[in-house]
Amino acid sequence: MIDPDAIELDALTEADRLLLAELLDREDGEQEFPVASAQREMLTTAARFPDSRAAGIHLAIRLDGRVSLEGLRAAHHTLLSRHSALRTGFRADPDGWRQAVSEGGEFPMRISTGEPLDDSCVVTAFERAREEPFDLLGAGPLARAELITDRNGAQVLLWSWHHAVVDGYSLGLLWSDFTAAYRGGHEQTEPVPYGEFALWQREWLAGPEARRAAERLASASDSFGDLPPQRSRPARPDIGAMELVVPAAVHDELVREAVHRGLTTHMVLLAAYRHEVEAAGLLGAAAPVWTPLAGRTDDRFMSTVGMFGNVLPVFGRAGGDLSPIRDGCILAMECQNLPRPELLQTRPIPADALFALQNTPSGDGSLPGVRVSVVRPPGVPPVAPILEFYSPPDELFRTALSFGYRDGGLTGVFEYDRAEVPDSAATAVVAGIGKWLRSFTGGAR
């Protein structure tokens, strides 16, 4: 219990005073927290573009075997009880936005039928889930499930969340906790509530580390000279997409060559993308490639479900020597606690190109007597679309490339703003990336 009379207020910094006020509010039963910076960006975007569905996360899991409906409901209830982010809504206040965490609530699970439960049925369910809006600025919920069955006993569990409460890393945590709860077990250690991260972030931003990170990234941008002007974000963007496959043999050689050169797979793929979009005239020499980062630098939050992700620029040209790309990636990693909005207050940097390697853990756990597999039918992107979602509220990335691991290799999607990029240019970029990677690996097939 905090005793306010025992605290020397004159000795507290402004950040300490804000943190103390939050703690005292919580002791009085308040379950409100400030929003994290990434959440504030999403709320701003949602208010400006209410018809956008870019911030939904959807995951389909096939369940082959006898499944207990009550067990599924109980496991969903455990997720809701264990993770405060799933009980979170948002409210406007004079300072912007607040997180409102309820004590209870419901993780709704709809039951539907598909005859037969084939790829076409799952694609239809995906499209329906994408089109169903989340009540982000109202009462919620921001998490829901649908169990699709057919008369032959086939079952697909379709999960949907809003990105404001769940990031990619959280999916593995949710699956591990869900399967443990279904089996009747539970984790002994309770995760730190996500609201604690928002408090931690606000305190960190008031300190010297945030200023140093902003100065380092701003200095990197200054060294590249004048940046191109920012482009406004349309209300209804026309986004094209093309698939790109890196076969297992090429991927294996890529990893070996990258390690030999002191690089990571992420660095090599980003370099290939940068080289080709710049060669196609879609990225200026001074402009960076932005990339999402996990944002989980404090071990206290490794079991916490929530939106920790951040997006920062990687400065560096992709010539024969890839050390500038490596240095740019390392700088972004070292500065990943600095949210994008705070960086842009220091130095406007245009959103032209975006790269992501979606390699977050899938989680551990199984369901007794049930074979579990992730469903990716034709018509559903092999990786989550990122161009519109990761764009700032005022801008739209011109191009984006995201990769995910599949069948020992990599499968990716190249997205592009059709108002800025012709289909022919997109085709050339995709072909060029494949050629660049084969050249990097010495022609592996």
Protein backbone atom coordinates (compact mmCIF):
# COMPACT_ATOMS: atom_id res chain seq x y z
CA MET A 1 0.00 0.00 0.00
CA ILE A 2 1.32 3.44 -0.91
CA ASP A 3 1.18 6.05 1.86
CA PRO A 4 0.97 9.47 0.15
CA ASP A 5 1.86 11.25 3.41
CA ALA A 6 5.21 9.43 3.52
CA ILE A 7 6.31 10.65 0.09
CA GLU A 8 8.53 13.71 -0.27
CA LEU A 9 6.91 15.30 -3.31
CA ASP A 10 9.59 17.96 -3.68
CA ALA A 11 12.18 15.24 -4.30
CA LEU A 12 10.25 13.70 -7.21
CA THR A 13 10.90 14.39 -10.87
CA GLU A 14 7.98 15.24 -13.14
CA ALA A 15 8.05 11.70 -14.56
CA ASP A 16 7.97 10.29 -11.00
CA ARG A 17 4.97 12.47 -10.17
CA LEU A 18 3.07 11.18 -13.20
CA LEU A 19 3.90 7.58 -12.35
CA LEU A 20 2.85 8.09 -8.72
CA ALA A 21 -0.47 9.56 -9.82
CA GLU A 22 -1.15 6.48 -11.94
CA LEU A 23 -0.31 4.13 -9.07
CA LEU A 24 -2.53 6.01 -6.62
CA ASP A 25 -5.40 5.99 -9.12
CA ARG A 26 -5.05 2.25 -9.48
CA GLU A 27 -5.20 1.74 -5.72
CA ASP A 28 -8.49 3.63 -5.70
CA GLY A 29 -9.88 1.06 -8.17
CA GLU A 30 -9.18 2.99 -11.37
CA GLN A 31 -8.18 0.77 -14.26
CA GLU A 32 -7.07 3.48 -16.63
CA PHE A 33 -3.61 3.96 -18.10
CA PRO A 34 -2.05 6.24 -20.66
CA VAL A 35 -1.87 4.77 -24.15
CA ALA A 36 1.46 3.64 -25.55
CA SER A 37 2.81 5.58 -28.51
CA ALA A 38 1.99 2.86 -31.07
CA GLN A 39 -1.58 2.74 -29.77
CA ARG A 40 -1.87 6.51 -30.10
CA GLU A 41 -0.87 6.26 -33.77
CA MET A 42 -3.52 3.58 -34.37
CA LEU A 43 -6.22 5.57 -32.61
CA THR A 44 -5.35 8.64 -34.65
CA THR A 45 -5.49 6.61 -37.86
CA ALA A 46 -8.79 4.99 -36.86
CA ALA A 47 -10.34 8.38 -36.14
CA ARG A 48 -9.23 9.75 -39.53
CA PHE A 49 -9.96 6.63 -41.59
CA PRO A 50 -12.84 4.80 -39.86
CA ASP A 51 -13.45 2.52 -42.86
CA SER A 52 -9.92 1.08 -42.82
CA ARG A 53 -9.55 -2.57 -41.77
CA ALA A 54 -5.75 -2.62 -41.95
CA ALA A 55 -5.20 -3.06 -38.19
CA GLY A 56 -6.90 -6.44 -37.83
CA ILE A 57 -4.87 -9.61 -37.12
CA HIS A 58 -6.48 -12.87 -38.21
CA LEU A 59 -5.25 -16.42 -37.64
CA ALA A 60 -6.97 -19.65 -38.77
CA ILE A 61 -6.09 -22.95 -37.07
CA ARG A 62 -7.37 -26.33 -38.29
CA LEU A 63 -8.31 -28.73 -35.48
CA ASP A 64 -8.38 -32.37 -36.62
CA GLY A 65 -9.83 -34.53 -33.85
CA ARG A 66 -12.46 -34.43 -31.15
CA VAL A 67 -12.59 -30.96 -29.60
CA SER A 68 -14.39 -29.98 -26.41
CA LEU A 69 -16.53 -26.92 -27.01
CA GLU A 70 -16.62 -26.18 -23.30
CA GLY A 71 -12.86 -26.59 -23.18
CA LEU A 72 -12.45 -23.99 -25.93
CA ARG A 73 -14.75 -21.55 -24.14
CA ALA A 74 -12.93 -22.06 -20.84
CA ALA A 75 -9.54 -21.54 -22.52
CA HIS A 76 -10.74 -18.30 -24.10
CA HIS A 77 -11.98 -17.14 -20.71
CA THR A 78 -8.54 -17.88 -19.24
CA LEU A 79 -6.88 -15.75 -21.93
CA LEU A 80 -9.22 -12.90 -21.10
CA SER A 81 -8.55 -13.20 -17.36
CA ARG A 82 -4.79 -13.59 -17.72
CA HIS A 83 -4.06 -10.82 -20.23
CA SER A 84 -5.34 -7.33 -19.44
CA ALA A 85 -4.77 -6.17 -23.04
CA LEU A 86 -7.70 -8.34 -24.14
CA ARG A 87 -9.98 -6.48 -21.71
CA THR A 88 -8.86 -3.06 -22.90
CA GLY A 89 -10.87 -0.33 -24.56
CA PHE A 90 -9.98 3.28 -25.29
CA ARG A 91 -11.43 6.61 -24.22
CA ALA A 92 -10.77 10.13 -25.35
CA ASP A 93 -9.75 12.69 -22.76
CA PRO A 94 -8.46 16.29 -22.94
CA ASP A 95 -4.88 15.00 -23.33
CA GLY A 96 -5.72 12.58 -26.14
CA TRP A 97 -6.49 8.95 -25.30
CA ARG A 98 -6.57 6.61 -22.32
CA GLN A 99 -6.60 2.83 -21.97
CA ALA A 100 -9.58 1.57 -19.98
CA VAL A 101 -9.07 -1.96 -18.60
CA SER A 102 -12.18 -3.76 -17.38
CA GLU A 103 -12.17 -6.33 -14.57
CA GLY A 104 -14.20 -8.85 -16.56
CA GLY A 105 -15.70 -9.20 -19.99
CA GLU A 106 -16.22 -11.77 -22.69
CA PHE A 107 -14.05 -13.33 -25.39
CA PRO A 108 -16.88 -13.99 -27.85
CA MET A 109 -16.71 -17.24 -29.84
CA ARG A 110 -19.20 -17.56 -32.66
CA ILE A 111 -20.17 -21.02 -33.94
CA SER A 112 -20.81 -21.37 -37.67
CA THR A 113 -20.99 -24.15 -40.24
CA GLY A 114 -19.33 -24.61 -43.61
CA GLU A 115 -20.33 -27.33 -46.07
CA PRO A 116 -17.82 -28.55 -46.92
CA LEU A 117 -15.13 -26.93 -44.76
CA ASP A 118 -12.64 -26.51 -47.60
CA ASP A 119 -10.22 -23.76 -48.68
CA SER A 120 -13.02 -21.74 -50.26
CA CYS A 121 -14.98 -21.77 -47.01
CA VAL A 122 -11.94 -20.62 -45.01
CA VAL A 123 -11.22 -17.82 -47.49
CA THR A 124 -14.81 -16.62 -47.12
CA ALA A 125 -14.45 -16.69 -43.33
CA PHE A 126 -11.21 -14.69 -43.57
CA GLU A 127 -12.89 -12.07 -45.74
CA ARG A 128 -15.84 -11.87 -43.37
CA ALA A 129 -13.51 -11.42 -40.39
CA ARG A 130 -11.57 -8.69 -42.19
CA GLU A 131 -14.71 -6.76 -43.06
CA GLU A 132 -16.21 -6.97 -39.56
CA PRO A 133 -15.09 -3.79 -37.78
CA PHE A 134 -13.65 -3.57 -34.29
CA ASP A 135 -15.26 -1.08 -31.94
CA LEU A 136 -11.89 0.50 -31.18
CA LEU A 137 -13.28 3.75 -29.81
CA GLY A 138 -16.25 2.21 -28.02
CA ALA A 139 -17.03 -0.71 -25.76
CA GLY A 140 -15.17 -3.38 -27.76
CA PRO A 141 -14.47 -6.26 -27.81
CA LEU A 142 -11.10 -6.10 -29.54
CA ALA A 143 -10.68 -9.89 -29.56
CA ARG A 144 -13.06 -12.49 -30.95
CA ALA A 145 -13.14 -16.06 -32.23
CA GLU A 146 -15.18 -18.13 -34.65
CA LEU A 147 -15.35 -21.93 -34.67
CA ILE A 148 -16.31 -23.21 -38.12
CA THR A 149 -17.45 -26.84 -38.39
CA ASP A 150 -19.00 -29.19 -40.93
CA ARG A 151 -21.03 -32.40 -40.68
CA ASN A 152 -17.90 -34.52 -41.14
CA GLY A 153 -16.32 -33.15 -37.98
CA ALA A 154 -13.80 -30.81 -39.62
CA GLN A 155 -13.11 -27.70 -37.52
CA VAL A 156 -11.29 -24.41 -38.04
CA LEU A 157 -10.76 -21.90 -35.23
CA LEU A 158 -10.47 -18.35 -36.58
CA TRP A 159 -9.02 -15.78 -34.20
CA SER A 160 -9.26 -12.01 -34.76
CA TRP A 161 -7.70 -9.19 -32.75
CA HIS A 162 -7.11 -5.50 -33.20
CA HIS A 163 -3.42 -4.63 -33.44
CA ALA A 164 -3.83 -1.97 -30.75
CA VAL A 165 -3.95 -4.75 -28.13
CA VAL A 166 -1.96 -7.58 -29.75
CA ASP A 167 1.31 -7.61 -31.72
CA GLY A 168 2.92 -10.46 -33.67
CA TYR A 169 5.00 -11.67 -30.73
CA SER A 170 1.84 -11.88 -28.62
CA LEU A 171 0.38 -14.57 -30.89
CA GLY A 172 2.87 -17.14 -29.59
CA LEU A 173 2.10 -16.19 -25.99
CA LEU A 174 -1.63 -16.48 -26.59
CA TRP A 175 -1.37 -19.89 -28.23
CA SER A 176 0.84 -21.27 -25.43
CA ASP A 177 -1.55 -20.01 -22.75
CA PHE A 178 -4.61 -21.15 -24.69
CA THR A 179 -3.40 -24.73 -25.10
CA ALA A 180 -2.26 -24.90 -21.46
CA ALA A 181 -5.68 -23.71 -20.30
CA TYR A 182 -7.47 -26.19 -22.57
CA ARG A 183 -5.42 -29.03 -21.04
CA GLY A 184 -6.42 -27.83 -17.58
CA GLY A 185 -3.09 -26.30 -16.64
CA HIS A 186 -1.99 -22.72 -16.18
CA GLU A 187 1.15 -20.65 -15.87
CA GLN A 188 2.30 -20.05 -12.31
CA THR A 189 3.61 -16.54 -12.96
CA GLU A 190 1.17 -13.81 -13.89
CA PRO A 191 2.34 -11.56 -16.73
CA VAL A 192 2.97 -7.88 -16.07
CA PRO A 193 -0.15 -5.94 -17.21
CA TYR A 194 0.31 -4.06 -20.47
CA GLY A 195 -0.61 -0.78 -18.80
CA GLU A 196 2.69 -1.01 -16.92
CA PHE A 197 4.51 -0.84 -20.25
CA ALA A 198 2.69 2.37 -21.18
CA LEU A 199 3.79 3.88 -17.85
CA TRP A 200 7.34 2.64 -18.35
CA GLN A 201 7.44 4.08 -21.88
CA ARG A 202 6.25 7.49 -20.72
CA GLU A 203 8.93 7.58 -18.04
CA TRP A 204 11.61 6.44 -20.52
CA LEU A 205 10.62 9.16 -23.00
CA ALA A 206 11.16 11.79 -20.31
CA GLY A 207 14.73 10.61 -19.71
CA PRO A 208 18.11 11.11 -21.37
CA GLU A 209 18.12 7.81 -23.31
CA ALA A 210 15.20 8.98 -25.46
CA ARG A 211 16.98 12.22 -26.32
CA ARG A 212 20.17 10.36 -27.26
CA ALA A 213 18.27 7.91 -29.47
CA ALA A 214 16.48 10.73 -31.28
CA GLU A 215 19.76 12.57 -31.81
CA ARG A 216 21.47 9.44 -33.21
CA LEU A 217 18.71 8.70 -35.71
CA ALA A 218 18.34 12.35 -36.71
CA SER A 219 22.10 12.54 -37.24
CA ALA A 220 21.97 9.46 -39.47
CA SER A 221 19.27 11.09 -41.60
CA ASP A 222 21.24 14.34 -41.82
CA SER A 223 24.27 12.50 -43.20
CA PHE A 224 22.19 11.41 -46.21
CA GLY A 225 21.34 14.96 -47.24
CA ASP A 226 17.95 16.33 -48.26
CA LEU A 227 15.09 13.88 -47.93
CA PRO A 228 12.20 13.74 -50.44
CA PRO A 229 8.93 15.45 -49.50
CA GLN A 230 6.28 13.58 -47.55
CA ARG A 231 3.21 12.30 -49.42
CA SER A 232 -0.31 12.53 -48.00
CA ARG A 233 -2.31 9.39 -47.20
CA PRO A 234 -5.47 8.77 -49.25
CA ALA A 235 -8.66 7.69 -47.52
CA ARG A 236 -9.08 4.63 -49.77
CA PRO A 237 -5.70 3.49 -51.09
CA ASP A 238 -5.50 1.14 -54.07
CA ILE A 239 -2.84 -1.37 -53.02
CA GLY A 240 -1.46 -3.99 -55.37
CA ALA A 241 0.32 -7.16 -54.23
CA MET A 242 2.63 -9.74 -55.80
CA GLU A 243 3.97 -12.92 -54.22
CA LEU A 244 7.68 -13.68 -54.03
CA VAL A 245 9.12 -17.10 -53.12
CA VAL A 246 12.67 -17.84 -51.98
CA PRO A 247 13.12 -21.63 -52.29
CA ALA A 248 14.67 -23.61 -49.46
CA ALA A 249 17.95 -24.14 -51.36
CA VAL A 250 18.39 -20.41 -51.96
CA HIS A 251 17.42 -19.63 -48.36
CA ASP A 252 19.97 -22.09 -46.96
CA GLU A 253 22.75 -20.59 -49.08
CA LEU A 254 21.59 -17.09 -48.17
CA VAL A 255 21.91 -17.86 -44.46
CA ARG A 256 25.37 -19.39 -44.88
CA GLU A 257 26.65 -16.47 -46.94
CA ALA A 258 25.11 -13.94 -44.56
CA VAL A 259 26.82 -15.52 -41.54
CA HIS A 260 30.10 -15.59 -43.46
CA ARG A 261 29.82 -11.83 -44.07
CA GLY A 262 28.70 -10.99 -40.53
CA LEU A 263 25.12 -10.24 -41.58
CA THR A 264 21.66 -11.48 -40.62
CA THR A 265 18.96 -12.77 -42.95
CA HIS A 266 16.94 -9.64 -42.21
CA MET A 267 19.83 -7.41 -43.31
CA VAL A 268 20.35 -9.29 -46.59
CA LEU A 269 16.66 -9.29 -47.53
CA LEU A 270 16.36 -5.59 -46.69
CA ALA A 271 19.43 -4.87 -48.84
CA ALA A 272 17.95 -6.77 -51.80
CA TYR A 273 14.68 -4.86 -51.48
CA ARG A 274 16.41 -1.50 -51.10
CA HIS A 275 18.64 -2.10 -54.12
CA GLU A 276 15.73 -2.96 -56.40
CA VAL A 277 13.24 -0.24 -55.38
CA GLU A 278 16.01 2.35 -55.62
CA ALA A 279 17.04 1.02 -59.05
CA ALA A 280 13.40 1.27 -60.17
CA GLY A 281 13.25 4.93 -59.14
CA LEU A 282 10.79 4.19 -56.31
CA LEU A 283 13.15 5.19 -53.49
CA GLY A 284 15.51 8.14 -53.34
CA ALA A 285 19.17 7.67 -52.49
CA ALA A 286 18.75 9.71 -49.29
CA ALA A 287 15.55 8.01 -48.12
CA PRO A 288 15.59 5.13 -45.61
CA VAL A 289 13.84 1.78 -45.57
CA TRP A 290 11.63 1.60 -42.50
CA THR A 291 11.38 -1.68 -40.59
CA PRO A 292 9.23 -2.96 -37.69
CA LEU A 293 11.02 -3.83 -34.45
CA ALA A 294 9.79 -5.90 -31.52
CA GLY A 295 10.13 -3.14 -28.91
CA ARG A 296 10.45 -5.66 -26.04
CA THR A 297 13.77 -4.60 -24.56
CA ASP A 298 12.75 -5.05 -20.91
CA ASP A 299 12.58 -8.69 -19.76
CA ARG A 300 9.66 -7.88 -17.46
CA PHE A 301 7.35 -7.68 -20.47
CA MET A 302 8.37 -10.85 -22.33
CA SER A 303 5.20 -12.66 -21.14
CA THR A 304 2.92 -9.65 -21.63
CA VAL A 305 0.37 -9.57 -24.44
CA GLY A 306 0.06 -6.14 -26.02
CA MET A 307 1.26 -3.82 -28.76
CA PHE A 308 4.99 -3.25 -28.26
CA GLY A 309 6.05 -3.00 -31.90
CA ASN A 310 7.76 0.05 -33.30
CA VAL A 311 8.83 1.15 -36.79
CA LEU A 312 12.15 2.92 -37.35
CA PRO A 313 14.24 3.94 -40.39
CA VAL A 314 17.30 2.06 -41.63
CA PHE A 315 19.72 4.38 -43.42
CA GLY A 316 22.34 2.84 -45.70
CA ARG A 317 22.84 2.17 -49.41
CA ALA A 318 22.91 -1.39 -50.76
CA GLY A 319 26.04 -1.57 -52.90
CA GLY A 320 28.65 -4.30 -53.10
CA ASP A 321 29.59 -3.57 -49.49
CA LEU A 322 26.59 -4.20 -47.22
CA SER A 323 28.19 -2.80 -44.07
CA PRO A 324 26.13 0.44 -44.35
CA ILE A 325 22.95 -1.67 -44.27
CA ARG A 326 24.30 -3.64 -41.30
CA ASP A 327 25.20 -0.45 -39.43
CA GLY A 328 21.79 1.07 -40.17
CA CYS A 329 19.97 -2.03 -38.88
CA ILE A 330 22.08 -2.10 -35.72
CA LEU A 331 21.37 1.58 -35.07
CA ALA A 332 17.63 0.98 -35.44
CA MET A 333 17.82 -1.98 -33.05
CA GLU A 334 19.74 0.05 -30.48
CA CYS A 335 17.16 2.85 -30.70
CA GLN A 336 14.02 0.70 -30.86
CA ASN A 337 12.59 2.09 -27.62
CA LEU A 338 12.14 5.45 -29.36
CA PRO A 339 8.63 5.49 -30.89
CA ARG A 340 8.27 6.70 -34.46
CA PRO A 341 6.06 9.71 -33.58
CA GLU A 342 8.67 11.04 -31.17
CA LEU A 343 11.40 10.62 -33.81
CA LEU A 344 9.32 12.46 -36.41
CA GLN A 345 8.92 15.39 -34.03
CA THR A 346 12.71 15.73 -34.16
CA ARG A 347 13.21 15.17 -37.89
CA PRO A 348 10.52 14.67 -40.58
CA ILE A 349 11.44 11.50 -42.49
CA PRO A 350 9.22 10.36 -45.39
CA ALA A 351 7.52 6.97 -45.46
CA ASP A 352 8.55 5.61 -48.86
CA ALA A 353 9.69 2.00 -48.33
CA LEU A 354 8.94 -0.60 -45.66
CA PHE A 355 10.49 -4.04 -45.05
CA ALA A 356 9.53 -6.74 -42.54
CA LEU A 357 10.68 -10.28 -41.79
CA GLN A 358 7.81 -11.85 -39.87
CA ASN A 359 9.71 -14.30 -37.68
CA THR A 360 7.98 -14.04 -34.32
CA PRO A 361 7.66 -17.29 -32.32
CA SER A 362 4.56 -19.39 -32.95
CA GLY A 363 4.22 -20.55 -29.35
CA ASP A 364 4.39 -23.96 -27.71
CA GLY A 365 1.58 -26.29 -26.84
CA SER A 366 -0.77 -28.92 -28.21
CA LEU A 367 -4.35 -30.01 -27.72
CA PRO A 368 -4.85 -33.60 -26.48
CA GLY A 369 -6.14 -35.88 -29.21
CA VAL A 370 -6.18 -33.06 -31.77
CA ARG A 371 -3.82 -32.42 -34.67
CA VAL A 372 -3.26 -28.68 -35.03
CA SER A 373 -2.14 -26.82 -38.17
CA VAL A 374 -2.21 -23.21 -39.33
CA VAL A 375 -4.43 -22.73 -42.38
CA ARG A 376 -3.15 -20.62 -45.29
CA PRO A 377 -5.51 -21.37 -48.20
CA PRO A 378 -5.16 -19.85 -51.69
CA GLY A 379 -6.42 -16.28 -51.69
CA VAL A 380 -5.07 -15.55 -48.21
CA PRO A 381 -1.69 -13.75 -48.20
CA PRO A 382 1.19 -15.94 -46.96
CA VAL A 383 2.18 -13.12 -44.60
CA ALA A 384 0.10 -10.38 -43.01
CA PRO A 385 -0.26 -7.27 -45.23
CA ILE A 386 1.81 -4.43 -43.79
CA LEU A 387 1.83 -1.42 -46.15
CA GLU A 388 -1.33 0.29 -44.97
CA PHE A 389 -1.10 -0.87 -41.36
CA TYR A 390 2.44 0.40 -40.71
CA SER A 391 1.96 3.69 -42.56
CA PRO A 392 1.90 6.81 -40.35
CA PRO A 393 -1.51 8.49 -39.92
CA ASP A 394 -0.59 11.25 -42.40
CA GLU A 395 1.30 9.21 -45.02
CA LEU A 396 1.21 6.01 -47.05
CA PHE A 397 4.26 3.91 -47.88
CA ARG A 398 4.89 3.73 -51.61
CA THR A 399 6.08 0.10 -51.43
CA ALA A 400 6.44 -2.63 -48.80
CA LEU A 401 7.96 -6.10 -48.74
CA SER A 402 7.28 -8.69 -46.04
CA PHE A 403 8.62 -12.23 -45.75
CA GLY A 404 7.62 -15.20 -43.61
CA TYR A 405 9.12 -18.67 -43.24
CA ARG A 406 7.42 -21.57 -45.04
CA ASP A 407 8.49 -25.05 -46.18
CA GLY A 408 12.14 -24.42 -45.36
CA GLY A 409 12.26 -21.27 -47.47
CA LEU A 410 10.70 -17.82 -47.50
CA THR A 411 7.41 -16.64 -48.94
CA GLY A 412 6.76 -12.94 -49.21
CA VAL A 413 4.41 -10.30 -50.56
CA PHE A 414 5.48 -7.13 -52.35
CA GLU A 415 2.82 -4.44 -51.84
CA TYR A 416 2.66 -1.15 -53.69
CA ASP A 417 0.52 1.96 -53.95
CA ARG A 418 -0.98 1.76 -57.43
CA ALA A 419 -1.38 5.54 -57.53
CA GLU A 420 2.43 5.78 -57.43
CA VAL A 421 3.74 2.47 -58.80
CA PRO A 422 2.71 0.90 -62.14
CA ASP A 423 2.14 -2.87 -62.18
CA SER A 424 5.02 -3.22 -64.64
CA ALA A 425 7.43 -1.55 -62.20
CA ALA A 426 6.24 -3.83 -59.39
CA THR A 427 6.82 -6.89 -61.59
CA ALA A 428 10.35 -5.69 -62.34
CA VAL A 429 11.10 -5.14 -58.64
CA VAL A 430 9.93 -8.64 -57.67
CA ALA A 431 11.99 -10.23 -60.44
CA GLY A 432 14.99 -8.09 -59.51
CA ILE A 433 14.86 -9.11 -55.84
CA GLY A 434 14.92 -12.79 -56.79
CA LYS A 435 17.85 -12.21 -59.15
CA TRP A 436 19.75 -10.17 -56.52
CA LEU A 437 19.34 -12.91 -53.91
CA ARG A 438 20.53 -15.64 -56.30
CA SER A 439 23.55 -13.51 -57.13
CA PHE A 440 24.28 -12.99 -53.43
CA THR A 441 24.23 -16.74 -52.83
CA GLY A 442 26.38 -17.56 -55.84
CA GLY A 443 23.53 -18.73 -58.05
CA ALA A 444 21.86 -21.27 -55.72
CA ARG A 445 18.66 -22.74 -57.15
